[in-house]
All heavy atoms as atom14 arrays in JSON, in Angstrom:
{
  "sequence": "ELAFSAPVDPFFDFFAVTTIAPGHGIELEEVYTDTKFLPYGFALRAG",
  "atom14_mask": [
    [1, 1, 1, 1, 1, 1, 1, 1, 1, 0, 0, 0, 0, 0],
    [1, 1, 1, 1, 1, 1, 1, 1, 0, 0, 0, 0, 0, 0],
    [1, 1, 1, 1, 1, 0, 0, 0, 0, 0, 0, 0, 0, 0],
    [1, 1, 1, 1, 1, 1, 1, 1, 1, 1, 1, 0, 0, 0],
    [1, 1, 1, 1, 1, 1, 0, 0, 0, 0, 0, 0, 0, 0],
    [1, 1, 1, 1, 1, 0, 0, 0, 0, 0, 0, 0, 0, 0],
    [1, 1, 1, 1, 1, 1, 1, 0, 0, 0, 0, 0, 0, 0],
    [1, 1, 1, 1, 1, 1, 1, 0, 0, 0, 0, 0, 0, 0],
    [1, 1, 1, 1, 1, 1, 1, 1, 0, 0, 0, 0, 0, 0],
    [1, 1, 1, 1, 1, 1, 1, 0, 0, 0, 0, 0, 0, 0],
    [1, 1, 1, 1, 1, 1, 1, 1, 1, 1, 1, 0, 0, 0],
    [1, 1, 1, 1, 1, 1, 1, 1, 1, 1, 1, 0, 0, 0],
    [1, 1, 1, 1, 1, 1, 1, 1, 0, 0, 0, 0, 0, 0],
    [1, 1, 1, 1, 1, 1, 1, 1, 1, 1, 1, 0, 0, 0],
    [1, 1, 1, 1, 1, 1, 1, 1, 1, 1, 1, 0, 0, 0],
    [1, 1, 1, 1, 1, 0, 0, 0, 0, 0, 0, 0, 0, 0],
    [1, 1, 1, 1, 1, 1, 1, 0, 0, 0, 0, 0, 0, 0],
    [1, 1, 1, 1, 1, 1, 1, 0, 0, 0, 0, 0, 0, 0],
    [1, 1, 1, 1, 1, 1, 1, 0, 0, 0, 0, 0, 0, 0],
    [1, 1, 1, 1, 1, 1, 1, 1, 0, 0, 0, 0, 0, 0],
    [1, 1, 1, 1, 1, 0, 0, 0, 0, 0, 0, 0, 0, 0],
    [1, 1, 1, 1, 1, 1, 1, 0, 0, 0, 0, 0, 0, 0],
    [1, 1, 1, 1, 0, 0, 0, 0, 0, 0, 0, 0, 0, 0],
    [1, 1, 1, 1, 1, 1, 1, 1, 1, 1, 0, 0, 0, 0],
    [1, 1, 1, 1, 0, 0, 0, 0, 0, 0, 0, 0, 0, 0],
    [1, 1, 1, 1, 1, 1, 1, 1, 0, 0, 0, 0, 0, 0],
    [1, 1, 1, 1, 1, 1, 1, 1, 1, 0, 0, 0, 0, 0],
    [1, 1, 1, 1, 1, 1, 1, 1, 0, 0, 0, 0, 0, 0],
    [1, 1, 1, 1, 1, 1, 1, 1, 1, 0, 0, 0, 0, 0],
    [1, 1, 1, 1, 1, 1, 1, 1, 1, 0, 0, 0, 0, 0],
    [1, 1, 1, 1, 1, 1, 1, 0, 0, 0, 0, 0, 0, 0],
    [1, 1, 1, 1, 1, 1, 1, 1, 1, 1, 1, 1, 0, 0],
    [1, 1, 1, 1, 1, 1, 1, 0, 0, 0, 0, 0, 0, 0],
    [1, 1, 1, 1, 1, 1, 1, 1, 0, 0, 0, 0, 0, 0],
    [1, 1, 1, 1, 1, 1, 1, 0, 0, 0, 0, 0, 0, 0],
    [1, 1, 1, 1, 1, 1, 1, 1, 1, 0, 0, 0, 0, 0],
    [1, 1, 1, 1, 1, 1, 1, 1, 1, 1, 1, 0, 0, 0],
    [1, 1, 1, 1, 1, 1, 1, 1, 0, 0, 0, 0, 0, 0],
    [1, 1, 1, 1, 1, 1, 1, 0, 0, 0, 0, 0, 0, 0],
    [1, 1, 1, 1, 1, 1, 1, 1, 1, 1, 1, 1, 0, 0],
    [1, 1, 1, 1, 0, 0, 0, 0, 0, 0, 0, 0, 0, 0],
    [1, 1, 1, 1, 1, 1, 1, 1, 1, 1, 1, 0, 0, 0],
    [1, 1, 1, 1, 1, 0, 0, 0, 0, 0, 0, 0, 0, 0],
    [1, 1, 1, 1, 1, 1, 1, 1, 0, 0, 0, 0, 0, 0],
    [1, 1, 1, 1, 1, 1, 1, 1, 1, 1, 1, 0, 0, 0],
    [1, 1, 1, 1, 1, 0, 0, 0, 0, 0, 0, 0, 0, 0],
    [1, 1, 1, 1, 0, 0, 0, 0, 0, 0, 0, 0, 0, 0]
  ],
  "atom14_positions": [
    [[-76.11, 66.8, 18.3], [-75.59, 66.77, 19.66], [-76.65, 67.27, 20.63], [-77.21, 68.35, 20.47], [-74.34, 67.66, 19.76], [-73.71, 67.68, 21.14], [-72.51, 68.6, 21.21], [-71.48, 68.25, 20.61], [-72.6, 69.67, 21.84], [0.0, 0.0, 0.0], [0.0, 0.0, 0.0], [0.0, 0.0, 0.0], [0.0, 0.0, 0.0], [0.0, 0.0, 0.0]],
    [[-76.91, 66.46, 21.64], [-77.88, 66.79, 22.67], [-77.13, 66.97, 23.99], [-76.47, 66.05, 24.46], [-78.91, 65.67, 22.8], [-80.01, 65.82, 23.85], [-80.87, 67.03, 23.57], [-80.87, 64.55, 23.91], [0.0, 0.0, 0.0], [0.0, 0.0, 0.0], [0.0, 0.0, 0.0], [0.0, 0.0, 0.0], [0.0, 0.0, 0.0], [0.0, 0.0, 0.0]],
    [[-77.21, 68.19, 24.55], [-76.44, 68.51, 25.75], [-77.37, 68.88, 26.9], [-78.35, 69.61, 26.72], [-75.47, 69.66, 25.48], [0.0, 0.0, 0.0], [0.0, 0.0, 0.0], [0.0, 0.0, 0.0], [0.0, 0.0, 0.0], [0.0, 0.0, 0.0], [0.0, 0.0, 0.0], [0.0, 0.0, 0.0], [0.0, 0.0, 0.0], [0.0, 0.0, 0.0]],
    [[-77.05, 68.34, 28.08], [-77.78, 68.64, 29.31], [-76.8, 69.26, 30.31], [-75.66, 68.81, 30.43], [-78.35, 67.37, 29.95], [-79.24, 66.55, 29.07], [-78.71, 65.63, 28.18], [-80.62, 66.7, 29.12], [-79.53, 64.87, 27.37], [-81.45, 65.95, 28.31], [-80.9, 65.03, 27.43], [0.0, 0.0, 0.0], [0.0, 0.0, 0.0], [0.0, 0.0, 0.0]],
    [[-77.26, 70.25, 31.05], [-76.44, 70.81, 32.13], [-77.35, 71.39, 33.2], [-78.4, 71.96, 32.89], [-75.49, 71.89, 31.6], [-76.22, 72.96, 31.06], [0.0, 0.0, 0.0], [0.0, 0.0, 0.0], [0.0, 0.0, 0.0], [0.0, 0.0, 0.0], [0.0, 0.0, 0.0], [0.0, 0.0, 0.0], [0.0, 0.0, 0.0], [0.0, 0.0, 0.0]],
    [[-76.94, 71.22, 34.45], [-77.75, 71.74, 35.57], [-76.95, 71.63, 36.85], [-76.1, 70.74, 37.0], [-79.05, 70.96, 35.71], [0.0, 0.0, 0.0], [0.0, 0.0, 0.0], [0.0, 0.0, 0.0], [0.0, 0.0, 0.0], [0.0, 0.0, 0.0], [0.0, 0.0, 0.0], [0.0, 0.0, 0.0], [0.0, 0.0, 0.0], [0.0, 0.0, 0.0]],
    [[-77.19, 72.52, 37.8], [-76.65, 72.32, 39.15], [-77.42, 71.2, 39.84], [-78.64, 71.13, 39.75], [-76.9, 73.67, 39.83], [-78.03, 74.28, 39.08], [-77.92, 73.79, 37.68], [0.0, 0.0, 0.0], [0.0, 0.0, 0.0], [0.0, 0.0, 0.0], [0.0, 0.0, 0.0], [0.0, 0.0, 0.0], [0.0, 0.0, 0.0], [0.0, 0.0, 0.0]],
    [[-76.69, 70.31, 40.49], [-77.33, 69.21, 41.2], [-77.81, 69.68, 42.57], [-78.96, 69.45, 42.98], [-76.36, 68.03, 41.35], [-77.0, 66.88, 42.14], [-75.9, 67.53, 39.98], [0.0, 0.0, 0.0], [0.0, 0.0, 0.0], [0.0, 0.0, 0.0], [0.0, 0.0, 0.0], [0.0, 0.0, 0.0], [0.0, 0.0, 0.0], [0.0, 0.0, 0.0]],
    [[-76.94, 70.36, 43.28], [-77.2, 70.87, 44.61], [-76.08, 71.86, 44.93], [-75.31, 72.22, 44.03], [-77.27, 69.72, 45.63], [-76.08, 68.78, 45.55], [-74.97, 69.26, 45.23], [-76.23, 67.58, 45.83], [0.0, 0.0, 0.0], [0.0, 0.0, 0.0], [0.0, 0.0, 0.0], [0.0, 0.0, 0.0], [0.0, 0.0, 0.0], [0.0, 0.0, 0.0]],
    [[-75.95, 72.33, 46.14], [-74.86, 73.28, 46.44], [-73.46, 72.68, 46.3], [-72.47, 73.42, 46.39], [-75.14, 73.68, 47.89], [-76.58, 73.43, 48.1], [-76.88, 72.21, 47.28], [0.0, 0.0, 0.0], [0.0, 0.0, 0.0], [0.0, 0.0, 0.0], [0.0, 0.0, 0.0], [0.0, 0.0, 0.0], [0.0, 0.0, 0.0], [0.0, 0.0, 0.0]],
    [[-73.37, 71.38, 46.04], [-72.06, 70.73, 46.03], [-71.59, 70.29, 44.65], [-70.39, 70.15, 44.43], [-72.1, 69.51, 46.96], [-72.61, 69.8, 48.33], [-73.89, 69.47, 48.71], [-71.8, 70.46, 49.25], [-74.36, 69.75, 49.98], [-72.25, 70.75, 50.52], [-73.54, 70.4, 50.89], [0.0, 0.0, 0.0], [0.0, 0.0, 0.0], [0.0, 0.0, 0.0]],
    [[-72.52, 70.05, 43.7], [-72.14, 69.49, 42.41], [-72.9, 70.16, 41.26], [-74.04, 70.59, 41.41], [-72.43, 67.98, 42.36], [-71.67, 67.17, 43.36], [-72.29, 66.79, 44.55], [-70.37, 66.77, 43.12], [-71.61, 66.03, 45.48], [-69.68, 66.01, 44.05], [-70.3, 65.65, 45.23], [0.0, 0.0, 0.0], [0.0, 0.0, 0.0], [0.0, 0.0, 0.0]],
    [[-72.22, 70.23, 40.1], [-72.84, 70.55, 38.81], [-72.78, 69.31, 37.93], [-71.86, 68.49, 38.06], [-72.1, 71.7, 38.11], [-72.39, 73.05, 38.74], [-73.5, 73.21, 39.29], [-71.51, 73.93, 38.69], [0.0, 0.0, 0.0], [0.0, 0.0, 0.0], [0.0, 0.0, 0.0], [0.0, 0.0, 0.0], [0.0, 0.0, 0.0], [0.0, 0.0, 0.0]],
    [[-73.76, 69.19, 37.02], [-73.84, 68.01, 36.16], [-73.85, 68.44, 34.7], [-74.46, 69.45, 34.35], [-75.1, 67.21, 36.47], [-75.34, 66.03, 35.56], [-74.67, 64.84, 35.78], [-76.2, 66.12, 34.48], [-74.87, 63.75, 34.93], [-76.41, 65.05, 33.63], [-75.74, 63.86, 33.87], [0.0, 0.0, 0.0], [0.0, 0.0, 0.0], [0.0, 0.0, 0.0]],
    [[-73.18, 67.65, 33.84], [-73.13, 67.94, 32.4], [-73.09, 66.63, 31.64], [-72.4, 65.68, 32.04], [-71.89, 68.78, 32.07], [-71.78, 69.16, 30.62], [-72.53, 70.2, 30.1], [-70.93, 68.48, 29.78], [-72.44, 70.55, 28.77], [-70.82, 68.82, 28.44], [-71.58, 69.86, 27.94], [0.0, 0.0, 0.0], [0.0, 0.0, 0.0], [0.0, 0.0, 0.0]],
    [[-73.85, 66.56, 30.54], [-73.85, 65.36, 29.7], [-74.06, 65.75, 28.25], [-74.81, 66.68, 27.95], [-74.94, 64.39, 30.16], [0.0, 0.0, 0.0], [0.0, 0.0, 0.0], [0.0, 0.0, 0.0], [0.0, 0.0, 0.0], [0.0, 0.0, 0.0], [0.0, 0.0, 0.0], [0.0, 0.0, 0.0], [0.0, 0.0, 0.0], [0.0, 0.0, 0.0]],
    [[-73.38, 65.04, 27.35], [-73.53, 65.24, 25.91], [-73.71, 63.88, 25.25], [-72.89, 62.97, 25.42], [-72.29, 65.94, 25.3], [-72.43, 66.02, 23.78], [-72.13, 67.33, 25.88], [0.0, 0.0, 0.0], [0.0, 0.0, 0.0], [0.0, 0.0, 0.0], [0.0, 0.0, 0.0], [0.0, 0.0, 0.0], [0.0, 0.0, 0.0], [0.0, 0.0, 0.0]],
    [[-74.79, 63.76, 24.5], [-75.04, 62.56, 23.7], [-75.02, 62.95, 22.23], [-75.64, 63.95, 21.84], [-76.41, 61.95, 24.05], [-76.4, 61.54, 25.42], [-76.69, 60.73, 23.19], [0.0, 0.0, 0.0], [0.0, 0.0, 0.0], [0.0, 0.0, 0.0], [0.0, 0.0, 0.0], [0.0, 0.0, 0.0], [0.0, 0.0, 0.0], [0.0, 0.0, 0.0]],
    [[-74.32, 62.18, 21.43], [-74.21, 62.47, 20.0], [-74.9, 61.38, 19.2], [-74.67, 60.19, 19.43], [-72.73, 62.56, 19.57], [-72.09, 63.58, 20.34], [-72.62, 62.91, 18.1], [0.0, 0.0, 0.0], [0.0, 0.0, 0.0], [0.0, 0.0, 0.0], [0.0, 0.0, 0.0], [0.0, 0.0, 0.0], [0.0, 0.0, 0.0], [0.0, 0.0, 0.0]],
    [[-75.73, 61.8, 18.27], [-76.39, 60.87, 17.34], [-75.81, 61.14, 15.96], [-75.94, 62.25, 15.43], [-77.91, 61.08, 17.34], [-78.47, 60.96, 18.76], [-78.6, 60.08, 16.41], [-79.92, 61.35, 18.87], [0.0, 0.0, 0.0], [0.0, 0.0, 0.0], [0.0, 0.0, 0.0], [0.0, 0.0, 0.0], [0.0, 0.0, 0.0], [0.0, 0.0, 0.0]],
    [[-75.14, 60.14, 15.39], [-74.48, 60.32, 14.11], [-74.82, 59.16, 13.18], [-74.69, 58.0, 13.58], [-72.96, 60.39, 14.29], [0.0, 0.0, 0.0], [0.0, 0.0, 0.0], [0.0, 0.0, 0.0], [0.0, 0.0, 0.0], [0.0, 0.0, 0.0], [0.0, 0.0, 0.0], [0.0, 0.0, 0.0], [0.0, 0.0, 0.0], [0.0, 0.0, 0.0]],
    [[-75.29, 59.43, 11.96], [-75.56, 58.36, 11.01], [-74.32, 57.49, 10.79], [-73.23, 58.0, 10.57], [-75.94, 59.11, 9.73], [-76.45, 60.43, 10.21], [-75.62, 60.76, 11.42], [0.0, 0.0, 0.0], [0.0, 0.0, 0.0], [0.0, 0.0, 0.0], [0.0, 0.0, 0.0], [0.0, 0.0, 0.0], [0.0, 0.0, 0.0], [0.0, 0.0, 0.0]],
    [[-74.5, 56.2, 10.89], [-73.38, 55.27, 10.73], [-72.66, 54.97, 12.02], [-71.92, 53.99, 12.1], [0.0, 0.0, 0.0], [0.0, 0.0, 0.0], [0.0, 0.0, 0.0], [0.0, 0.0, 0.0], [0.0, 0.0, 0.0], [0.0, 0.0, 0.0], [0.0, 0.0, 0.0], [0.0, 0.0, 0.0], [0.0, 0.0, 0.0], [0.0, 0.0, 0.0]],
    [[-72.84, 55.81, 13.04], [-72.19, 55.59, 14.33], [-73.2, 55.33, 15.45], [-72.8, 54.91, 16.54], [-71.33, 56.81, 14.71], [-70.23, 57.08, 13.74], [-69.07, 56.33, 13.67], [-70.11, 58.04, 12.79], [-68.29, 56.82, 12.72], [-68.88, 57.86, 12.18], [0.0, 0.0, 0.0], [0.0, 0.0, 0.0], [0.0, 0.0, 0.0], [0.0, 0.0, 0.0]],
    [[-74.47, 55.58, 15.2], [-75.49, 55.36, 16.21], [-75.45, 56.42, 17.29], [-75.03, 57.56, 17.08], [0.0, 0.0, 0.0], [0.0, 0.0, 0.0], [0.0, 0.0, 0.0], [0.0, 0.0, 0.0], [0.0, 0.0, 0.0], [0.0, 0.0, 0.0], [0.0, 0.0, 0.0], [0.0, 0.0, 0.0], [0.0, 0.0, 0.0], [0.0, 0.0, 0.0]],
    [[-75.89, 56.05, 18.47], [-75.94, 56.95, 19.61], [-74.7, 56.74, 20.48], [-74.4, 55.61, 20.85], [-77.22, 56.72, 20.45], [-78.47, 56.95, 19.59], [-77.24, 57.64, 21.65], [-79.75, 56.65, 20.3], [0.0, 0.0, 0.0], [0.0, 0.0, 0.0], [0.0, 0.0, 0.0], [0.0, 0.0, 0.0], [0.0, 0.0, 0.0], [0.0, 0.0, 0.0]],
    [[-73.99, 57.81, 20.76], [-72.78, 57.73, 21.56], [-72.89, 58.65, 22.76], [-73.33, 59.8, 22.64], [-71.55, 58.12, 20.74], [-71.28, 57.21, 19.55], [-70.04, 57.62, 18.79], [-69.23, 58.4, 19.35], [-69.89, 57.19, 17.63], [0.0, 0.0, 0.0], [0.0, 0.0, 0.0], [0.0, 0.0, 0.0], [0.0, 0.0, 0.0], [0.0, 0.0, 0.0]],
    [[-72.49, 58.16, 23.91], [-72.41, 58.98, 25.11], [-71.05, 59.64, 25.1], [-70.05, 59.06, 25.5], [-72.6, 58.12, 26.36], [-72.77, 58.85, 27.68], [-73.99, 59.74, 27.64], [-72.89, 57.86, 28.83], [0.0, 0.0, 0.0], [0.0, 0.0, 0.0], [0.0, 0.0, 0.0], [0.0, 0.0, 0.0], [0.0, 0.0, 0.0], [0.0, 0.0, 0.0]],
    [[-71.01, 60.87, 24.61], [-69.73, 61.55, 24.4], [-69.11, 61.99, 25.72], [-67.92, 61.78, 25.95], [-69.92, 62.74, 23.47], [-68.62, 63.35, 23.01], [-68.82, 64.35, 21.88], [-69.92, 64.41, 21.31], [-67.86, 65.07, 21.56], [0.0, 0.0, 0.0], [0.0, 0.0, 0.0], [0.0, 0.0, 0.0], [0.0, 0.0, 0.0], [0.0, 0.0, 0.0]],
    [[-69.91, 62.64, 26.57], [-69.43, 63.06, 27.87], [-70.57, 62.95, 28.89], [-71.72, 63.24, 28.57], [-68.92, 64.51, 27.85], [-67.61, 64.73, 27.15], [-67.06, 66.12, 27.43], [-67.54, 67.08, 26.81], [-66.16, 66.24, 28.28], [0.0, 0.0, 0.0], [0.0, 0.0, 0.0], [0.0, 0.0, 0.0], [0.0, 0.0, 0.0], [0.0, 0.0, 0.0]],
    [[-70.24, 62.59, 30.1], [-71.17, 62.69, 31.23], [-70.33, 62.78, 32.5], [-69.57, 61.87, 32.81], [-72.17, 61.51, 31.28], [-71.46, 60.16, 31.27], [-73.08, 61.63, 32.49], [0.0, 0.0, 0.0], [0.0, 0.0, 0.0], [0.0, 0.0, 0.0], [0.0, 0.0, 0.0], [0.0, 0.0, 0.0], [0.0, 0.0, 0.0], [0.0, 0.0, 0.0]],
    [[-70.42, 63.9, 33.18], [-69.55, 64.1, 34.34], [-70.18, 65.06, 35.33], [-71.16, 65.76, 35.03], [-68.18, 64.61, 33.91], [-68.17, 65.93, 33.19], [-68.24, 67.13, 33.9], [-68.09, 65.99, 31.79], [-68.23, 68.35, 33.24], [-68.09, 67.2, 31.13], [-68.15, 68.38, 31.85], [-68.15, 69.58, 31.21], [0.0, 0.0, 0.0], [0.0, 0.0, 0.0]],
    [[-69.6, 65.1, 36.51], [-70.01, 66.04, 37.54], [-68.79, 66.82, 38.01], [-67.68, 66.26, 38.09], [-70.68, 65.32, 38.73], [-71.1, 66.27, 39.7], [-69.74, 64.33, 39.38], [0.0, 0.0, 0.0], [0.0, 0.0, 0.0], [0.0, 0.0, 0.0], [0.0, 0.0, 0.0], [0.0, 0.0, 0.0], [0.0, 0.0, 0.0], [0.0, 0.0, 0.0]],
    [[-69.0, 68.1, 38.29], [-67.95, 68.97, 38.82], [-68.29, 69.37, 40.25], [-69.46, 69.63, 40.57], [-67.82, 70.24, 37.97], [-67.12, 70.0, 36.66], [-66.26, 69.11, 36.61], [-67.45, 70.69, 35.68], [0.0, 0.0, 0.0], [0.0, 0.0, 0.0], [0.0, 0.0, 0.0], [0.0, 0.0, 0.0], [0.0, 0.0, 0.0], [0.0, 0.0, 0.0]],
    [[-67.29, 69.44, 41.08], [-67.5, 69.86, 42.47], [-67.54, 71.38, 42.57], [-66.92, 72.09, 41.77], [-66.4, 69.33, 43.39], [-65.13, 69.86, 42.95], [-66.34, 67.82, 43.37], [0.0, 0.0, 0.0], [0.0, 0.0, 0.0], [0.0, 0.0, 0.0], [0.0, 0.0, 0.0], [0.0, 0.0, 0.0], [0.0, 0.0, 0.0], [0.0, 0.0, 0.0]],
    [[-68.26, 71.86, 43.58], [-68.32, 73.3, 43.86], [-67.92, 73.63, 45.3], [-67.95, 74.8, 45.68], [-69.75, 73.82, 43.62], [-70.22, 73.7, 42.2], [-71.53, 74.42, 41.97], [-72.69, 73.74, 42.65], [-73.99, 74.38, 42.31], [0.0, 0.0, 0.0], [0.0, 0.0, 0.0], [0.0, 0.0, 0.0], [0.0, 0.0, 0.0], [0.0, 0.0, 0.0]],
    [[-67.55, 72.61, 46.07], [-67.37, 72.83, 47.5], [-65.93, 72.69, 47.97], [-65.63, 72.95, 49.14], [-68.24, 71.84, 48.29], [-67.9, 70.39, 48.05], [-66.96, 69.74, 48.83], [-68.51, 69.68, 47.03], [-66.64, 68.42, 48.61], [-68.21, 68.36, 46.81], [-67.26, 67.71, 47.6], [0.0, 0.0, 0.0], [0.0, 0.0, 0.0], [0.0, 0.0, 0.0]],
    [[-65.01, 72.26, 47.08], [-63.64, 72.07, 47.53], [-62.98, 73.43, 47.78], [-63.12, 74.36, 46.98], [-62.83, 71.28, 46.5], [-63.25, 69.83, 46.27], [-62.33, 69.17, 45.28], [-63.27, 69.06, 47.58], [0.0, 0.0, 0.0], [0.0, 0.0, 0.0], [0.0, 0.0, 0.0], [0.0, 0.0, 0.0], [0.0, 0.0, 0.0], [0.0, 0.0, 0.0]],
    [[-62.2, 73.55, 48.85], [-61.59, 74.84, 49.2], [-60.25, 75.07, 48.52], [-59.72, 74.19, 47.83], [-61.41, 74.72, 50.72], [-61.15, 73.25, 50.92], [-61.99, 72.53, 49.89], [0.0, 0.0, 0.0], [0.0, 0.0, 0.0], [0.0, 0.0, 0.0], [0.0, 0.0, 0.0], [0.0, 0.0, 0.0], [0.0, 0.0, 0.0], [0.0, 0.0, 0.0]],
    [[-59.72, 76.27, 48.69], [-58.34, 76.63, 48.34], [-58.04, 76.46, 46.85], [-56.91, 76.15, 46.46], [-57.35, 75.81, 49.16], [-57.58, 75.88, 50.64], [-57.94, 74.73, 51.36], [-57.48, 77.09, 51.34], [-58.17, 74.79, 52.72], [-57.71, 77.15, 52.7], [-58.05, 76.0, 53.38], [-58.29, 76.06, 54.73], [0.0, 0.0, 0.0], [0.0, 0.0, 0.0]],
    [[-59.01, 76.65, 45.97], [-58.77, 76.61, 44.54], [-58.75, 75.23, 43.92], [-58.42, 75.09, 42.74], [0.0, 0.0, 0.0], [0.0, 0.0, 0.0], [0.0, 0.0, 0.0], [0.0, 0.0, 0.0], [0.0, 0.0, 0.0], [0.0, 0.0, 0.0], [0.0, 0.0, 0.0], [0.0, 0.0, 0.0], [0.0, 0.0, 0.0], [0.0, 0.0, 0.0]],
    [[-59.12, 74.2, 44.66], [-59.18, 72.84, 44.12], [-60.54, 72.58, 43.48], [-61.57, 73.12, 43.9], [-58.92, 71.8, 45.21], [-57.5, 71.71, 45.66], [-57.07, 72.4, 46.78], [-56.58, 70.95, 44.94], [-55.75, 72.32, 47.2], [-55.27, 70.86, 45.34], [-54.84, 71.55, 46.47], [0.0, 0.0, 0.0], [0.0, 0.0, 0.0], [0.0, 0.0, 0.0]],
    [[-60.56, 71.74, 42.45], [-61.8, 71.31, 41.81], [-61.62, 69.88, 41.33], [-60.52, 69.49, 40.9], [-62.17, 72.23, 40.65], [0.0, 0.0, 0.0], [0.0, 0.0, 0.0], [0.0, 0.0, 0.0], [0.0, 0.0, 0.0], [0.0, 0.0, 0.0], [0.0, 0.0, 0.0], [0.0, 0.0, 0.0], [0.0, 0.0, 0.0], [0.0, 0.0, 0.0]],
    [[-62.69, 69.11, 41.38], [-62.65, 67.69, 41.0], [-63.73, 67.42, 39.97], [-64.86, 67.91, 40.11], [-62.86, 66.81, 42.23], [-62.77, 65.29, 42.01], [-61.35, 64.88, 41.64], [-63.24, 64.55, 43.27], [0.0, 0.0, 0.0], [0.0, 0.0, 0.0], [0.0, 0.0, 0.0], [0.0, 0.0, 0.0], [0.0, 0.0, 0.0], [0.0, 0.0, 0.0]],
    [[-63.38, 66.68, 38.94], [-64.34, 66.23, 37.92], [-64.3, 64.7, 37.87], [-63.23, 64.1, 37.86], [-64.01, 66.82, 36.56], [-64.9, 66.32, 35.42], [-64.65, 67.08, 34.12], [-65.07, 68.47, 34.25], [-65.03, 69.35, 33.26], [-64.57, 68.98, 32.06], [-65.43, 70.6, 33.45], [0.0, 0.0, 0.0], [0.0, 0.0, 0.0], [0.0, 0.0, 0.0]],
    [[-65.48, 64.08, 37.78], [-65.57, 62.62, 37.73], [-66.59, 62.21, 36.68], [-67.65, 62.82, 36.56], [-65.96, 62.06, 39.1], [0.0, 0.0, 0.0], [0.0, 0.0, 0.0], [0.0, 0.0, 0.0], [0.0, 0.0, 0.0], [0.0, 0.0, 0.0], [0.0, 0.0, 0.0], [0.0, 0.0, 0.0], [0.0, 0.0, 0.0], [0.0, 0.0, 0.0]],
    [[-66.27, 61.19, 35.9], [-67.17, 60.69, 34.87], [-66.42, 60.4, 33.59], [-65.24, 60.07, 33.6], [0.0, 0.0, 0.0], [0.0, 0.0, 0.0], [0.0, 0.0, 0.0], [0.0, 0.0, 0.0], [0.0, 0.0, 0.0], [0.0, 0.0, 0.0], [0.0, 0.0, 0.0], [0.0, 0.0, 0.0], [0.0, 0.0, 0.0], [0.0, 0.0, 0.0]]
  ]
}
């Protein structure tokens, strides 16, 4: 499992996981961005 994570800017965080498995090849398990700017306890994830 190869995982990447980093803040994009003051508004978004980024996360991605790629899995390499014999017999299954390379799979993009997760890739998404999380918001950091929404008010009042709201958060949005897309991907």
